[in-house]
N, C-alpha and C. Protein backbone atom coordinates (compact mmCIF):
# COMPACT_ATOMS: atom_id res chain seq x y z
N MET A 1 68.48 190.74 142.87
CA MET A 1 67.80 189.95 142.13
C MET A 1 67.55 189.90 140.41
N LYS A 2 68.19 190.68 140.08
CA LYS A 2 68.47 190.61 138.71
C LYS A 2 69.56 189.94 138.44
N ARG A 3 70.38 189.60 139.21
CA ARG A 3 71.66 188.94 138.82
C ARG A 3 71.15 187.19 138.70
N ALA A 4 70.29 186.97 139.49
CA ALA A 4 69.76 185.30 139.73
C ALA A 4 69.93 184.71 138.70
N GLY A 5 68.99 185.44 137.58
CA GLY A 5 68.77 185.06 136.10
C GLY A 5 69.87 184.10 135.41
N PRO A 6 70.94 185.06 135.33
CA PRO A 6 72.56 184.34 134.71
C PRO A 6 72.98 183.28 135.43
N LEU A 7 72.75 183.41 136.85
CA LEU A 7 73.39 182.59 137.36
C LEU A 7 72.68 181.20 137.45
N LEU A 8 71.37 181.31 137.62
CA LEU A 8 70.47 180.08 137.09
C LEU A 8 70.56 179.51 136.17
N THR A 9 70.70 180.38 135.07
CA THR A 9 70.92 179.78 133.49
C THR A 9 72.42 179.15 133.28
N LEU A 10 73.16 179.53 133.97
CA LEU A 10 74.67 179.01 133.88
C LEU A 10 74.38 177.67 134.58
N ALA A 11 73.92 177.55 136.01
CA ALA A 11 73.77 176.62 136.73
C ALA A 11 72.92 175.13 135.68
N ALA A 12 71.48 175.74 134.99
CA ALA A 12 71.18 174.71 134.19
C ALA A 12 71.72 174.19 133.17
N ALA A 13 72.79 175.02 132.59
CA ALA A 13 73.53 174.67 131.49
C ALA A 13 74.62 173.80 131.87
N ALA A 14 75.49 174.02 132.92
CA ALA A 14 76.35 173.29 133.34
C ALA A 14 75.97 171.90 133.92
N ALA A 15 74.52 171.70 134.64
CA ALA A 15 73.81 170.60 134.82
C ALA A 15 73.59 169.70 133.31
N LEU A 16 72.94 170.30 132.30
CA LEU A 16 73.08 169.86 131.22
C LEU A 16 74.18 169.04 130.66
N GLY A 17 75.26 169.83 130.72
CA GLY A 17 76.19 169.21 129.96
C GLY A 17 76.91 168.00 130.89
N LEU A 18 76.81 168.11 132.15
CA LEU A 18 77.08 167.29 132.89
C LEU A 18 76.19 165.64 132.57
N GLY A 19 75.14 166.20 132.53
CA GLY A 19 74.17 164.87 131.93
C GLY A 19 74.37 164.58 130.92
N LEU A 20 74.73 164.99 129.80
CA LEU A 20 75.34 164.72 128.66
C LEU A 20 76.46 164.03 128.02
N LEU A 21 77.53 164.39 129.41
CA LEU A 21 79.04 163.92 129.44
C LEU A 21 78.70 162.42 130.14
N ILE A 22 77.60 162.02 131.18
CA ILE A 22 77.54 160.80 131.68
C ILE A 22 76.85 160.09 130.85
N THR A 23 76.00 160.68 129.96
CA THR A 23 75.29 159.69 129.04
C THR A 23 76.24 159.38 127.92
N ASP A 24 76.88 160.09 127.54
CA ASP A 24 77.81 159.94 126.23
C ASP A 24 79.05 158.57 126.88
N ILE A 25 79.58 158.90 128.08
CA ILE A 25 80.48 157.81 128.84
C ILE A 25 79.72 156.22 128.68
N ALA A 26 78.50 156.43 129.49
CA ALA A 26 77.72 155.07 129.40
C ALA A 26 77.38 154.55 128.03
N THR A 27 77.35 155.28 126.81
CA THR A 27 77.16 154.91 125.76
C THR A 27 78.06 154.46 124.61
N ASP A 28 79.02 154.85 124.88
CA ASP A 28 80.56 154.65 124.04
C ASP A 28 81.21 153.47 124.59
N PRO A 29 81.45 152.72 123.53
CA PRO A 29 82.45 151.15 124.13
C PRO A 29 83.72 151.82 124.23
N THR A 30 84.39 150.90 125.10
CA THR A 30 86.02 151.52 125.15
C THR A 30 86.81 150.49 124.57
N ASP A 31 88.11 150.55 124.80
CA ASP A 31 88.98 149.72 123.99
C ASP A 31 89.14 148.51 124.91
N GLU A 32 88.84 148.44 126.06
CA GLU A 32 89.01 147.12 126.71
C GLU A 32 88.19 145.91 126.57
N PRO A 33 86.91 145.87 126.30
CA PRO A 33 86.20 144.95 125.55
C PRO A 33 86.61 144.13 124.49
N ALA A 34 87.10 144.99 123.35
CA ALA A 34 87.73 144.77 122.10
C ALA A 34 89.27 143.85 122.26
N ALA A 35 89.72 144.39 123.79
CA ALA A 35 90.90 143.73 123.51
C ALA A 35 91.06 142.57 124.27
N ALA A 36 89.79 142.25 125.11
CA ALA A 36 89.71 141.26 125.87
C ALA A 36 89.31 139.83 124.76
N SER A 37 88.40 140.23 123.90
CA SER A 37 88.04 139.61 122.82
C SER A 37 89.34 139.14 121.92
N SER A 38 90.23 139.94 121.50
CA SER A 38 91.57 139.84 120.90
C SER A 38 92.44 138.44 121.52
N SER A 39 92.58 138.56 123.15
CA SER A 39 92.96 137.99 124.12
C SER A 39 92.72 136.52 123.61
N ILE A 40 91.14 136.18 123.81
CA ILE A 40 90.62 134.84 124.03
C ILE A 40 90.76 134.32 122.68
N ALA A 41 90.76 135.17 121.44
CA ALA A 41 91.06 134.51 120.22
C ALA A 41 92.53 134.12 119.80
N ALA A 42 93.23 134.60 120.50
CA ALA A 42 94.55 134.52 120.30
C ALA A 42 95.19 133.20 121.22
N GLN A 43 94.66 132.78 122.05
CA GLN A 43 94.76 131.53 122.86
C GLN A 43 94.87 130.18 122.03
N PRO A 44 95.80 129.64 122.50
CA PRO A 44 95.79 128.10 121.56
C PRO A 44 94.72 127.17 122.04
N SER A 45 94.52 126.78 120.49
CA SER A 45 93.27 125.87 120.76
C SER A 45 93.69 124.37 120.94
N SER A 46 92.64 123.50 122.16
CA SER A 46 93.06 122.47 122.19
C SER A 46 92.52 121.20 121.23
N THR A 47 91.92 121.83 120.51
CA THR A 47 91.10 120.84 119.55
C THR A 47 92.36 120.28 118.21
N VAL A 48 92.23 119.18 117.51
CA VAL A 48 93.19 118.73 116.72
C VAL A 48 92.89 119.34 115.47
N ALA A 49 93.97 120.09 115.13
CA ALA A 49 93.89 120.83 113.45
C ALA A 49 93.25 120.24 112.38
N PRO A 50 92.99 120.71 111.55
CA PRO A 50 92.28 119.98 110.37
C PRO A 50 93.20 119.24 109.53
N GLY A 51 92.83 118.12 109.16
CA GLY A 51 93.96 117.53 108.30
C GLY A 51 94.86 116.20 109.35
N SER A 52 94.84 116.65 110.66
CA SER A 52 95.38 115.74 111.41
C SER A 52 94.77 115.06 112.13
N THR A 53 95.19 113.69 112.99
CA THR A 53 94.36 112.94 114.04
C THR A 53 95.21 112.51 114.74
N ALA A 54 94.65 112.11 115.88
CA ALA A 54 95.58 111.69 117.04
C ALA A 54 96.05 110.52 116.99
N PRO A 55 97.12 109.90 117.54
CA PRO A 55 97.82 108.70 116.85
C PRO A 55 96.97 107.30 117.31
N THR A 56 96.64 106.62 116.50
CA THR A 56 96.10 105.14 116.73
C THR A 56 96.92 104.35 116.83
N SER A 57 96.59 102.98 117.36
CA SER A 57 96.99 101.97 117.58
C SER A 57 96.24 100.99 116.94
N SER A 58 97.10 100.36 115.80
CA SER A 58 95.92 99.32 114.92
C SER A 58 96.69 98.01 115.05
N GLY A 59 97.60 97.90 116.26
CA GLY A 59 98.16 96.49 116.77
C GLY A 59 99.89 95.99 115.72
N ALA A 60 100.54 95.46 116.46
CA ALA A 60 101.78 95.43 115.72
C ALA A 60 101.44 94.37 114.55
N ALA A 61 102.26 94.16 113.87
CA ALA A 61 102.42 93.09 112.71
C ALA A 61 102.70 92.01 113.36
N VAL A 62 102.20 90.62 113.10
CA VAL A 62 102.54 89.62 113.51
C VAL A 62 103.67 89.18 112.78
N THR A 63 104.56 88.97 113.64
CA THR A 63 105.88 88.29 113.02
C THR A 63 106.57 87.09 113.90
N PHE A 64 107.65 86.52 113.34
CA PHE A 64 108.04 85.38 114.22
C PHE A 64 109.41 86.33 115.08
N PRO A 65 109.79 85.60 116.00
CA PRO A 65 110.74 85.80 116.88
C PRO A 65 111.88 85.73 116.08
N ALA A 66 113.42 86.27 116.17
CA ALA A 66 114.36 85.95 115.49
C ALA A 66 114.79 84.54 115.50
N GLN A 67 114.78 83.92 116.50
CA GLN A 67 115.00 82.53 116.71
C GLN A 67 113.80 81.81 117.54
N ALA A 68 113.23 80.77 117.05
CA ALA A 68 111.73 80.05 117.75
C ALA A 68 111.87 78.51 117.45
N ASP A 69 111.50 78.01 118.23
CA ASP A 69 111.44 76.47 118.14
C ASP A 69 109.83 76.23 118.76
N TYR A 70 109.13 75.31 117.91
CA TYR A 70 107.46 74.71 118.05
C TYR A 70 107.77 73.29 118.05
N VAL A 71 106.99 72.68 118.89
CA VAL A 71 106.89 71.35 118.75
C VAL A 71 105.48 71.04 119.52
N ALA A 72 105.34 69.75 118.47
CA ALA A 72 103.66 69.35 118.61
C ALA A 72 103.93 67.60 118.68
N VAL A 73 103.07 66.97 119.38
CA VAL A 73 102.94 65.71 119.43
C VAL A 73 101.15 65.60 118.58
N ILE A 74 100.96 64.85 117.23
CA ILE A 74 99.72 64.70 116.90
C ILE A 74 99.30 63.36 116.84
N LEU A 75 98.11 63.04 117.30
CA LEU A 75 97.66 61.91 117.31
C LEU A 75 97.63 61.23 115.94
N ALA A 76 98.16 59.95 115.69
CA ALA A 76 97.85 59.31 114.41
C ALA A 76 98.09 57.80 114.53
N GLN A 77 97.67 57.26 113.56
CA GLN A 77 97.98 55.88 113.53
C GLN A 77 98.92 55.57 112.13
N PRO A 78 99.75 54.35 112.85
CA PRO A 78 99.71 53.22 114.04
C PRO A 78 100.62 54.18 115.01
N ARG A 79 101.03 55.10 115.19
CA ARG A 79 101.96 55.95 116.09
C ARG A 79 101.61 57.26 115.78
N PRO A 80 101.44 57.92 117.27
CA PRO A 80 101.93 59.39 116.95
C PRO A 80 102.77 60.06 116.38
N ILE A 81 102.85 61.10 115.83
CA ILE A 81 103.88 61.72 114.96
C ILE A 81 104.22 62.80 115.84
N THR A 82 105.58 62.85 115.92
CA THR A 82 106.28 63.93 116.87
C THR A 82 106.96 64.94 115.63
N LEU A 83 106.32 66.26 115.86
CA LEU A 83 106.76 67.53 115.06
C LEU A 83 107.41 68.64 115.62
N SER A 84 108.73 69.11 114.96
CA SER A 84 109.41 70.29 115.69
C SER A 84 109.57 70.98 114.63
N ILE A 85 109.53 72.44 114.56
CA ILE A 85 109.74 73.36 113.53
C ILE A 85 110.27 74.40 114.27
N THR A 86 111.58 74.78 113.25
CA THR A 86 112.50 75.71 113.99
C THR A 86 112.61 76.91 113.03
N VAL A 87 112.49 78.11 113.63
CA VAL A 87 112.47 79.44 112.55
C VAL A 87 113.85 80.26 113.00
N THR A 88 114.61 80.42 111.83
CA THR A 88 115.68 81.47 111.84
C THR A 88 115.52 82.63 110.54
N GLY A 89 115.40 83.70 111.65
CA GLY A 89 115.08 84.86 110.73
C GLY A 89 113.89 84.57 109.80
N LYS A 90 113.83 84.35 108.61
CA LYS A 90 112.63 84.14 107.65
C LYS A 90 113.03 83.03 107.17
N GLN A 91 113.58 81.70 107.81
CA GLN A 91 113.51 80.62 107.16
C GLN A 91 113.11 79.70 108.50
N ALA A 92 112.49 78.50 107.74
CA ALA A 92 112.22 77.65 108.66
C ALA A 92 112.36 76.21 108.27
N VAL A 93 112.80 75.32 109.32
CA VAL A 93 113.11 73.75 109.09
C VAL A 93 112.20 73.06 109.72
N ALA A 94 111.70 72.12 109.51
CA ALA A 94 110.72 71.15 110.28
C ALA A 94 110.82 69.88 110.07
N TYR A 95 110.76 68.88 111.01
CA TYR A 95 111.12 67.69 111.06
C TYR A 95 110.14 66.74 111.89
N ALA A 96 109.76 65.89 111.23
CA ALA A 96 108.46 65.01 111.75
C ALA A 96 108.71 63.54 111.63
N CYS A 97 108.63 62.67 112.74
CA CYS A 97 108.82 61.22 112.97
C CYS A 97 108.00 60.58 113.97
N ASP A 98 107.99 59.53 113.66
CA ASP A 98 107.05 58.58 114.68
C ASP A 98 107.78 57.87 115.62
N GLY A 99 109.26 57.81 115.45
CA GLY A 99 110.22 57.09 116.57
C GLY A 99 110.61 55.85 116.43
N ALA A 100 110.04 55.38 114.74
CA ALA A 100 110.10 54.21 114.35
C ALA A 100 110.82 53.96 113.03
N SER A 101 109.69 54.28 112.10
CA SER A 101 110.23 54.19 110.34
C SER A 101 109.87 55.48 109.85
N VAL A 102 109.01 56.43 110.53
CA VAL A 102 108.77 57.44 109.39
C VAL A 102 109.59 58.64 109.95
N GLU A 103 109.74 59.19 108.78
CA GLU A 103 110.48 60.56 109.10
C GLU A 103 110.16 61.37 107.75
N THR A 104 110.32 62.53 107.97
CA THR A 104 110.07 63.87 106.78
C THR A 104 111.20 64.51 107.36
N TRP A 105 111.53 65.86 106.66
CA TRP A 105 112.43 66.86 106.62
C TRP A 105 111.77 67.75 105.76
N LEU A 106 111.11 69.12 106.18
CA LEU A 106 110.61 70.19 105.17
C LEU A 106 111.30 71.39 105.39
N ARG A 107 111.56 72.38 104.70
CA ARG A 107 111.79 73.53 104.80
C ARG A 107 111.00 74.62 103.88
N GLY A 108 111.32 75.63 104.18
CA GLY A 108 110.75 76.78 103.35
C GLY A 108 110.92 78.40 104.11
N ALA A 109 109.92 78.98 103.59
CA ALA A 109 110.06 80.38 104.09
C ALA A 109 109.04 80.79 105.33
N ALA A 110 109.14 81.53 106.00
CA ALA A 110 108.37 81.65 107.10
C ALA A 110 108.71 83.37 107.68
N ASP A 111 107.23 83.95 107.10
CA ASP A 111 107.73 85.74 107.14
C ASP A 111 106.01 86.22 107.57
N ALA A 112 105.79 87.02 108.25
CA ALA A 112 104.60 87.72 108.68
C ALA A 112 103.56 87.02 109.05
N GLY A 113 104.27 85.71 109.81
CA GLY A 113 103.62 85.18 110.83
C GLY A 113 102.89 83.95 109.87
N ARG A 114 103.11 83.61 108.75
CA ARG A 114 102.83 82.36 108.24
C ARG A 114 104.23 81.55 107.62
N MET A 115 103.81 80.57 107.20
CA MET A 115 104.72 79.52 106.28
C MET A 115 104.18 78.56 105.73
N SER A 116 105.23 77.96 104.92
CA SER A 116 104.72 77.19 103.89
C SER A 116 105.76 76.28 103.70
N LEU A 117 105.92 75.08 103.78
CA LEU A 117 107.41 74.20 103.72
C LEU A 117 107.28 73.19 103.20
N THR A 118 107.88 72.84 102.17
CA THR A 118 107.84 71.39 101.60
C THR A 118 108.63 70.51 101.65
N GLY A 119 108.72 69.45 101.49
CA GLY A 119 109.71 68.04 101.79
C GLY A 119 109.43 67.00 100.86
N LYS A 120 109.91 66.23 100.88
CA LYS A 120 109.93 64.59 99.95
C LYS A 120 108.41 64.06 100.44
N ASP A 121 107.48 64.20 99.33
CA ASP A 121 106.11 63.52 99.42
C ASP A 121 105.40 64.55 100.90
N SER A 122 105.85 65.74 101.06
CA SER A 122 105.31 66.07 102.72
C SER A 122 105.09 67.65 102.25
N GLU A 123 103.97 68.25 102.96
CA GLU A 123 103.61 69.56 103.07
C GLU A 123 103.34 70.32 104.36
N LEU A 124 103.77 71.65 104.78
CA LEU A 124 103.46 72.12 106.34
C LEU A 124 103.07 73.50 105.75
N GLN A 125 101.86 73.50 105.94
CA GLN A 125 101.46 75.25 106.20
C GLN A 125 101.07 75.37 107.53
N ALA A 126 101.42 76.57 108.03
CA ALA A 126 100.94 77.05 109.49
C ALA A 126 101.14 78.66 109.71
N THR A 127 100.40 79.12 110.62
CA THR A 127 100.10 80.58 110.75
C THR A 127 100.41 80.54 112.31
N LEU A 128 101.35 81.65 112.51
CA LEU A 128 101.43 81.97 114.21
C LEU A 128 100.43 82.76 114.57
N LYS A 129 99.83 82.10 115.97
CA LYS A 129 98.62 82.43 116.84
C LYS A 129 99.28 82.85 118.06
N GLY A 130 99.57 84.12 118.41
CA GLY A 130 100.28 84.05 119.77
C GLY A 130 101.13 83.84 119.76
N ASP A 131 101.64 82.53 121.03
CA ASP A 131 102.84 81.70 121.17
C ASP A 131 103.04 80.17 120.62
N SER A 132 101.65 80.09 119.66
CA SER A 132 101.65 78.61 118.79
C SER A 132 101.78 78.69 117.64
N LEU A 133 102.09 77.75 116.72
CA LEU A 133 101.89 77.60 115.52
C LEU A 133 100.63 76.23 115.26
N THR A 134 99.56 77.25 114.23
CA THR A 134 98.34 76.29 114.09
C THR A 134 98.57 75.81 112.49
N GLY A 135 98.26 74.47 112.27
CA GLY A 135 98.42 73.99 110.79
C GLY A 135 97.99 73.07 110.66
N THR A 136 98.48 72.49 109.26
CA THR A 136 98.38 71.33 108.82
C THR A 136 99.57 70.81 108.17
N LEU A 137 99.76 69.38 108.66
CA LEU A 137 101.01 68.62 108.23
C LEU A 137 100.53 67.58 107.22
N SER A 138 100.98 67.62 105.72
CA SER A 138 100.64 66.57 104.74
C SER A 138 101.82 65.31 104.60
N LEU A 139 101.63 64.18 104.95
CA LEU A 139 102.40 63.28 104.57
C LEU A 139 101.60 62.19 103.47
N GLY A 140 102.38 62.24 102.44
CA GLY A 140 101.45 61.58 101.50
C GLY A 140 100.01 61.74 101.55
N GLU A 141 98.76 61.09 101.52
CA GLU A 141 97.75 60.95 101.51
C GLU A 141 97.05 61.60 102.87
N HIS A 142 98.10 61.82 103.88
CA HIS A 142 97.33 61.80 105.15
C HIS A 142 97.30 63.45 105.53
N VAL A 143 96.35 64.33 105.76
CA VAL A 143 96.38 65.46 106.26
C VAL A 143 96.43 65.71 108.17
N LEU A 144 97.11 65.99 108.47
CA LEU A 144 97.29 66.24 109.94
C LEU A 144 96.97 67.42 110.57
N ASP A 145 96.07 67.84 111.45
CA ASP A 145 95.97 69.22 111.93
C ASP A 145 96.86 69.15 113.18
N PHE A 146 97.41 70.39 113.40
CA PHE A 146 98.50 70.38 114.78
C PHE A 146 98.65 71.50 115.26
N THR A 147 98.73 71.79 116.56
CA THR A 147 99.00 73.18 117.25
C THR A 147 100.29 72.90 117.95
N ALA A 148 101.48 73.52 117.44
CA ALA A 148 102.76 73.53 118.02
C ALA A 148 102.91 74.70 118.95
N PRO A 149 103.32 74.51 119.96
CA PRO A 149 103.73 75.83 121.11
C PRO A 149 105.19 76.14 121.25
N LEU A 150 105.42 77.30 121.16
CA LEU A 150 106.48 78.02 121.43
C LEU A 150 107.49 77.26 122.67
N VAL A 151 108.62 76.62 122.54
CA VAL A 151 109.12 75.96 123.37
C VAL A 151 110.78 76.43 123.76
N ARG A 152 111.44 76.16 124.49
CA ARG A 152 112.65 76.28 125.06
C ARG A 152 113.61 75.88 124.94
N ALA A 153 114.82 76.29 124.97
CA ALA A 153 115.88 75.23 124.88
C ALA A 153 116.10 74.40 125.88
N PRO A 154 116.35 73.34 125.85
CA PRO A 154 117.14 72.48 124.83
C PRO A 154 115.95 71.94 123.92
N ALA A 155 114.61 72.20 124.27
CA ALA A 155 113.70 71.52 123.43
C ALA A 155 113.86 71.83 121.70
N GLY A 156 113.85 71.10 120.51
CA GLY A 156 113.90 71.25 119.39
C GLY A 156 114.38 69.89 118.45
N ILE A 157 115.01 70.21 117.28
CA ILE A 157 115.49 69.22 116.53
C ILE A 157 116.87 69.10 116.66
N TYR A 158 117.54 67.89 116.53
CA TYR A 158 118.95 67.60 116.71
C TYR A 158 119.15 66.62 115.43
N LEU A 159 120.48 66.68 115.41
CA LEU A 159 120.78 66.02 114.11
C LEU A 159 122.43 65.31 114.22
N ALA A 160 122.75 64.04 114.14
CA ALA A 160 124.08 63.77 114.08
C ALA A 160 124.40 62.92 113.18
N GLN A 161 125.70 62.64 112.40
CA GLN A 161 126.30 61.77 111.39
C GLN A 161 127.14 60.72 112.02
N SER A 162 126.73 59.43 111.62
CA SER A 162 127.61 58.37 112.17
C SER A 162 127.85 57.35 110.89
N ALA A 163 128.86 56.17 111.60
CA ALA A 163 128.83 55.10 110.84
C ALA A 163 127.64 54.16 110.44
N GLY A 164 126.59 54.48 111.26
CA GLY A 164 125.37 54.00 111.41
C GLY A 164 124.47 54.64 110.25
N GLY A 165 124.84 55.79 110.05
CA GLY A 165 123.95 56.65 109.01
C GLY A 165 123.43 57.99 109.81
N ARG A 166 122.22 58.69 109.70
CA ARG A 166 122.34 60.10 109.92
C ARG A 166 120.86 59.80 111.03
N ASP A 167 121.33 60.08 111.90
CA ASP A 167 120.37 60.34 113.42
C ASP A 167 119.58 61.38 113.50
N SER A 168 118.31 61.42 113.75
CA SER A 168 117.70 62.77 113.83
C SER A 168 116.67 62.62 115.13
N TRP A 169 116.72 63.57 115.96
CA TRP A 169 115.76 63.59 116.94
C TRP A 169 115.13 64.88 117.22
N ILE A 170 113.90 64.58 117.88
CA ILE A 170 112.70 65.99 118.58
C ILE A 170 113.06 65.64 120.19
N VAL A 171 113.66 66.78 120.77
CA VAL A 171 113.51 66.95 122.21
C VAL A 171 112.34 67.49 122.76
N ARG A 172 111.31 66.99 123.22
CA ARG A 172 110.24 67.81 123.66
C ARG A 172 110.36 68.41 124.84
N PRO A 173 109.77 69.29 125.30
CA PRO A 173 109.65 70.24 126.41
C PRO A 173 110.26 69.47 127.52
N ASP A 174 109.38 68.27 127.79
CA ASP A 174 109.56 67.70 129.12
C ASP A 174 110.78 66.73 129.08
N GLY A 175 111.29 66.60 127.84
CA GLY A 175 112.78 66.08 128.21
C GLY A 175 112.93 64.76 127.53
N SER A 176 111.75 64.26 127.06
CA SER A 176 111.85 63.08 126.20
C SER A 176 112.34 63.12 124.84
N VAL A 177 112.53 62.28 124.07
CA VAL A 177 113.30 62.30 122.83
C VAL A 177 112.59 61.29 121.90
N THR A 178 112.48 61.83 120.78
CA THR A 178 111.84 60.84 119.81
C THR A 178 112.65 61.20 118.65
N GLY A 179 113.00 59.83 117.64
CA GLY A 179 113.97 60.02 116.52
C GLY A 179 114.07 58.69 115.68
N VAL A 180 114.68 59.06 114.38
CA VAL A 180 114.54 58.01 113.70
C VAL A 180 115.75 57.96 113.07
N ARG A 181 116.80 56.86 112.84
CA ARG A 181 117.85 56.48 112.08
C ARG A 181 117.66 56.42 110.56
N ARG A 182 118.42 57.18 109.43
CA ARG A 182 118.29 56.47 108.48
C ARG A 182 119.55 56.04 107.88
N GLN A 183 119.32 55.03 107.73
CA GLN A 183 120.80 54.02 107.49
C GLN A 183 121.37 53.98 105.77
N PRO A 184 122.51 54.10 105.64
CA PRO A 184 123.31 53.96 104.40
C PRO A 184 122.45 53.19 103.57
N ASN A 185 121.87 52.62 103.40
CA ASN A 185 121.17 51.87 102.47
C ASN A 185 119.70 52.60 102.43
N GLY A 186 119.46 53.55 102.63
CA GLY A 186 118.25 54.33 102.95
C GLY A 186 116.99 53.91 103.89
N THR A 187 117.09 52.78 104.40
CA THR A 187 115.96 52.30 105.44
C THR A 187 115.94 53.02 106.76
N THR A 188 115.06 52.89 107.38
CA THR A 188 114.63 53.77 108.73
C THR A 188 114.56 52.67 109.65
N VAL A 189 115.04 53.18 110.80
CA VAL A 189 114.85 52.10 112.07
C VAL A 189 114.70 53.44 113.30
N PRO A 190 114.33 53.01 114.31
CA PRO A 190 114.48 54.07 115.44
C PRO A 190 115.76 54.42 115.65
N ALA A 191 115.89 55.50 116.06
CA ALA A 191 117.21 56.52 116.55
C ALA A 191 117.84 55.54 117.38
N PRO A 192 119.02 55.81 117.79
CA PRO A 192 119.51 55.25 119.57
C PRO A 192 119.42 56.37 120.20
N ASN A 193 119.89 56.49 121.32
CA ASN A 193 119.64 57.92 122.70
C ASN A 193 120.69 58.77 121.78
N LEU A 194 119.79 59.94 122.22
CA LEU A 194 120.61 61.52 121.75
C LEU A 194 121.91 61.46 121.74
N ALA A 195 122.61 61.33 120.85
CA ALA A 195 124.25 61.37 120.99
C ALA A 195 124.58 62.83 121.56
N PRO A 196 125.84 62.72 122.33
CA PRO A 196 126.49 63.88 123.26
C PRO A 196 126.88 64.71 122.13
N ASP A 197 127.45 64.45 120.99
CA ASP A 197 127.48 65.32 120.05
C ASP A 197 126.52 65.84 118.91
N ALA A 198 125.30 65.56 119.58
CA ALA A 198 124.08 66.08 118.39
C ALA A 198 124.25 67.56 118.45
N ARG A 199 124.11 68.21 116.87
CA ARG A 199 123.82 69.54 116.84
C ARG A 199 122.24 70.31 116.78
N LYS A 200 122.24 71.08 117.24
CA LYS A 200 120.97 71.78 117.14
C LYS A 200 120.68 72.26 115.97
N VAL A 201 119.49 72.05 115.33
CA VAL A 201 119.38 72.59 113.75
C VAL A 201 118.47 73.78 113.75
N HIS A 202 118.70 74.84 112.73
CA HIS A 202 117.81 75.93 112.93
C HIS A 202 117.21 76.43 111.60
N GLY A 203 116.34 77.14 111.74
CA GLY A 203 115.73 77.39 110.70
C GLY A 203 116.29 77.56 109.00
N ASP A 204 117.81 77.94 109.27
CA ASP A 204 118.57 78.26 107.88
C ASP A 204 119.52 76.99 107.81
N ASP A 205 119.18 76.05 108.29
CA ASP A 205 120.11 75.10 108.07
C ASP A 205 119.99 74.20 106.76
N ASN A 206 120.86 73.80 106.06
CA ASN A 206 120.58 73.02 104.79
C ASN A 206 121.28 71.89 104.93
N ASP A 207 121.96 71.27 106.02
CA ASP A 207 122.91 70.31 106.10
C ASP A 207 122.00 69.08 106.98
N PHE A 208 120.97 68.68 106.15
CA PHE A 208 120.49 67.45 106.46
C PHE A 208 119.96 66.72 105.75
């Protein structure tokens, strides 16, 4: 019975020590949560970095095709005016006639979807909208509005020189032809039928 006291004392001390150890384990943080936080922070961010933006589309700049032809028939008095415009690179040539006696040639720059052409007593201003040119043709004191759609070959402007003078034609998309002959004395008359050797005029032509 005298030895029970020390044994009970040792048992109580051991139990107290174990309790303190369990409490210490439960309250002290380990390195695992810190490592987890570090791992999350190191993951690549899916947000856009400051100062950078996602690509946006503002729409392509309006430009003319490298080679293009546009044709319109403008209602006018006493006869309709047929207009054809041809663009090559950044140069354009236009020809307008009534198939009888009125005709005019114009030339100028065509860039960024706009063109400004001038001729003898004539002027043309136009803007590219989709596949069509919209603008005005000034013939003397007359200002005519037009919309000229893009056309495919063989539509366009044609030219031929002969003993009878210079023949100019516009071939429309439906194959019909309107033209004027400028005779050696400077007068104008309806052009004959489209000549087999007529050459197609392009926007960078100067020989007319």
